Amino acid sequence: MIQAWIIGPEEVIARLERVPEQVRGALRRAISIQAFDLMAYVKASKLSGQVLRTRSDHLRGGINVKLSGDGLSARVGPNVKYARVHEYGGAFTIREHMRMMTQAFGRPVKEPRKISVREHVARYPERSFLRSSLRENEGRIRAAIEAAVTEGVKG
């Protein structure tokens, strides 16, 4: 028969009670770092020519990180409406409207005038820049989170 005695049980109990908070703290740091790294990757790689070519910087400037209240989850995403169209693609009906015609066949017209544009469907292909970035960085993110849990447990 094996017998064991814990010398200083208060210290052991205190250490075990600290482990969950240590793990949460390590996870908060790792998640925050990985979210900001992913955001930087999307901006530098995906929105600079690999998937989309930046024209106005509006989409790039709209990519941000939002951490949850407890810091144990993060959302990397855009705050511009048209980002969804780029990410998933789709077909959209453009209502009939008026526009100013200033060019015809690539050349300026002498007298610009308003013309009517018929209702039509605009089709946009899927050009994933968020989901593909997450897939490409999944291994690195998983490894960082596993390392954070290990660090938190070891304390």
Protein backbone atom coordinates (compact mmCIF):
# COMPACT_ATOMS: atom_id res chain seq x y z
CA MET A 1 0.00 0.00 0.00
CA ILE A 2 1.24 3.47 -0.89
CA GLN A 3 0.64 6.36 1.45
CA ALA A 4 1.31 10.04 0.85
CA TRP A 5 1.14 13.14 2.99
CA ILE A 6 0.97 16.68 1.72
CA ILE A 7 3.23 18.96 3.67
CA GLY A 8 1.87 22.48 3.61
CA PRO A 9 -1.58 21.71 2.12
CA GLU A 10 -2.53 25.41 2.21
CA GLU A 11 0.25 26.20 -0.30
CA VAL A 12 -0.83 23.38 -2.61
CA ILE A 13 -4.47 24.50 -2.50
CA ALA A 14 -3.50 28.13 -3.14
CA ARG A 15 -1.37 27.10 -6.12
CA LEU A 16 -4.16 25.00 -7.62
CA GLU A 17 -6.63 27.87 -7.16
CA ARG A 18 -4.27 30.23 -9.04
CA VAL A 19 -3.92 27.94 -12.07
CA PRO A 20 -7.23 28.85 -13.77
CA GLU A 21 -6.45 32.58 -13.53
CA GLN A 22 -2.89 32.02 -14.72
CA VAL A 23 -4.19 30.06 -17.71
CA ARG A 24 -6.79 32.76 -18.48
CA GLY A 25 -4.13 35.48 -18.26
CA ALA A 26 -1.77 33.60 -20.56
CA LEU A 27 -4.64 32.94 -22.98
CA ARG A 28 -5.67 36.62 -22.96
CA ARG A 29 -2.14 37.64 -23.92
CA ALA A 30 -1.81 34.96 -26.62
CA ILE A 31 -5.22 35.67 -28.14
CA SER A 32 -4.58 39.39 -28.21
CA ILE A 33 -1.17 38.96 -29.85
CA GLN A 34 -2.48 36.46 -32.41
CA ALA A 35 -5.48 38.66 -33.29
CA PHE A 36 -3.30 41.71 -33.93
CA ASP A 37 -0.81 39.59 -35.90
CA LEU A 38 -3.66 38.25 -38.05
CA MET A 39 -4.96 41.78 -38.64
CA ALA A 40 -1.49 42.91 -39.74
CA TYR A 41 -1.21 39.89 -42.07
CA VAL A 42 -4.57 40.66 -43.71
CA LYS A 43 -3.65 44.30 -44.22
CA ALA A 44 -0.11 43.69 -45.47
CA SER A 45 -0.65 40.58 -47.57
CA LYS A 46 -4.25 40.10 -48.62
CA LEU A 47 -5.29 43.71 -49.18
CA SER A 48 -2.08 44.74 -50.93
CA GLY A 49 -2.39 42.67 -54.06
CA GLN A 50 -2.52 38.98 -53.15
CA VAL A 51 -6.34 38.97 -53.19
CA LEU A 52 -7.49 42.58 -53.52
CA ARG A 53 -5.64 45.64 -54.71
CA THR A 54 -6.07 48.62 -52.44
CA ARG A 55 -7.43 51.70 -54.15
CA SER A 56 -8.69 53.98 -51.42
CA ASP A 57 -7.41 52.36 -48.20
CA HIS A 58 -10.99 52.44 -46.89
CA LEU A 59 -11.23 48.65 -46.52
CA ARG A 60 -7.71 48.32 -45.10
CA GLY A 61 -8.45 51.06 -42.58
CA GLY A 62 -11.69 49.33 -41.65
CA ILE A 63 -10.05 46.06 -40.57
CA ASN A 64 -9.84 45.98 -36.80
CA VAL A 65 -9.61 43.72 -33.77
CA LYS A 66 -12.37 43.49 -31.19
CA LEU A 67 -11.56 41.59 -28.01
CA SER A 68 -14.37 40.16 -25.88
CA GLY A 69 -15.00 41.55 -22.42
CA ASP A 70 -13.08 38.73 -20.74
CA GLY A 71 -10.36 38.84 -23.40
CA LEU A 72 -10.69 35.14 -24.17
CA SER A 73 -11.97 35.62 -27.70
CA ALA A 74 -11.26 38.05 -30.49
CA ARG A 75 -12.85 39.11 -33.75
CA VAL A 76 -10.73 40.31 -36.63
CA GLY A 77 -12.91 41.88 -39.25
CA PRO A 78 -14.02 44.90 -41.21
CA ASN A 79 -16.38 47.66 -40.25
CA VAL A 80 -17.21 48.56 -43.85
CA LYS A 81 -20.35 47.19 -45.51
CA TYR A 82 -18.87 46.13 -48.82
CA ALA A 83 -16.25 43.84 -47.23
CA ARG A 84 -18.84 41.05 -47.12
CA VAL A 85 -19.22 41.25 -50.91
CA HIS A 86 -15.48 40.79 -51.40
CA GLU A 87 -15.27 37.96 -48.87
CA TYR A 88 -18.24 35.88 -50.10
CA GLY A 89 -19.08 37.25 -53.56
CA GLY A 90 -22.62 37.42 -54.83
CA ALA A 91 -25.06 38.99 -57.25
CA PHE A 92 -26.76 42.28 -56.54
CA THR A 93 -29.51 44.12 -58.34
CA ILE A 94 -28.67 47.74 -59.12
CA ARG A 95 -31.83 49.82 -59.37
CA GLU A 96 -32.51 52.06 -62.32
CA HIS A 97 -30.87 55.44 -61.72
CA MET A 98 -29.53 58.57 -63.35
CA ARG A 99 -25.85 59.38 -63.74
CA MET A 100 -23.75 62.09 -65.31
CA MET A 101 -22.16 60.98 -68.58
CA THR A 102 -18.77 62.67 -68.90
CA GLN A 103 -17.06 60.14 -71.21
CA ALA A 104 -18.03 58.03 -74.19
CA PHE A 105 -15.74 55.24 -75.39
CA GLY A 106 -12.94 56.48 -73.10
CA ARG A 107 -12.98 60.05 -74.40
CA PRO A 108 -14.50 63.13 -72.76
CA VAL A 109 -17.79 64.34 -74.23
CA LYS A 110 -18.20 67.99 -75.22
CA GLU A 111 -21.33 68.51 -73.17
CA PRO A 112 -21.78 66.24 -70.12
CA ARG A 113 -25.41 65.25 -69.55
CA LYS A 114 -27.54 63.06 -67.31
CA ILE A 115 -28.46 59.66 -68.66
CA SER A 116 -30.66 56.88 -67.35
CA VAL A 117 -29.04 53.58 -66.39
CA ARG A 118 -31.36 50.58 -66.58
CA GLU A 119 -31.77 48.15 -63.70
CA HIS A 120 -29.14 45.43 -63.95
CA VAL A 121 -27.41 42.70 -61.96
CA ALA A 122 -23.81 43.12 -60.82
CA ARG A 123 -21.96 39.87 -60.10
CA TYR A 124 -18.90 39.82 -57.86
CA PRO A 125 -16.63 36.78 -57.45
CA GLU A 126 -15.60 35.48 -54.03
CA ARG A 127 -12.24 37.01 -53.03
CA SER A 128 -11.72 35.78 -49.51
CA PHE A 129 -9.19 37.78 -47.55
CA LEU A 130 -10.29 37.01 -43.98
CA ARG A 131 -11.15 33.31 -44.04
CA SER A 132 -8.14 32.47 -46.20
CA SER A 133 -5.85 34.40 -43.82
CA LEU A 134 -7.20 32.45 -40.87
CA ARG A 135 -6.67 29.13 -42.70
CA GLU A 136 -3.10 30.08 -43.62
CA ASN A 137 -2.24 31.07 -40.04
CA GLU A 138 -4.23 28.37 -38.22
CA GLY A 139 -1.20 26.26 -37.26
CA ARG A 140 0.70 29.21 -35.81
CA ILE A 141 -2.35 30.41 -33.87
CA ARG A 142 -3.07 26.93 -32.44
CA ALA A 143 0.57 26.51 -31.39
CA ALA A 144 0.56 29.91 -29.64
CA ILE A 145 -2.64 29.09 -27.74
CA GLU A 146 -1.34 25.65 -26.71
CA ALA A 147 1.91 27.25 -25.53
CA ALA A 148 -0.09 29.82 -23.54
CA VAL A 149 -2.10 27.09 -21.78
CA THR A 150 1.12 25.20 -20.97
CA GLU A 151 2.70 28.39 -19.64
CA GLY A 152 -0.38 29.13 -17.54
CA VAL A 153 -0.49 25.65 -16.03
CA LYS A 154 3.22 25.72 -15.16
CA GLY A 155 2.73 29.19 -13.66
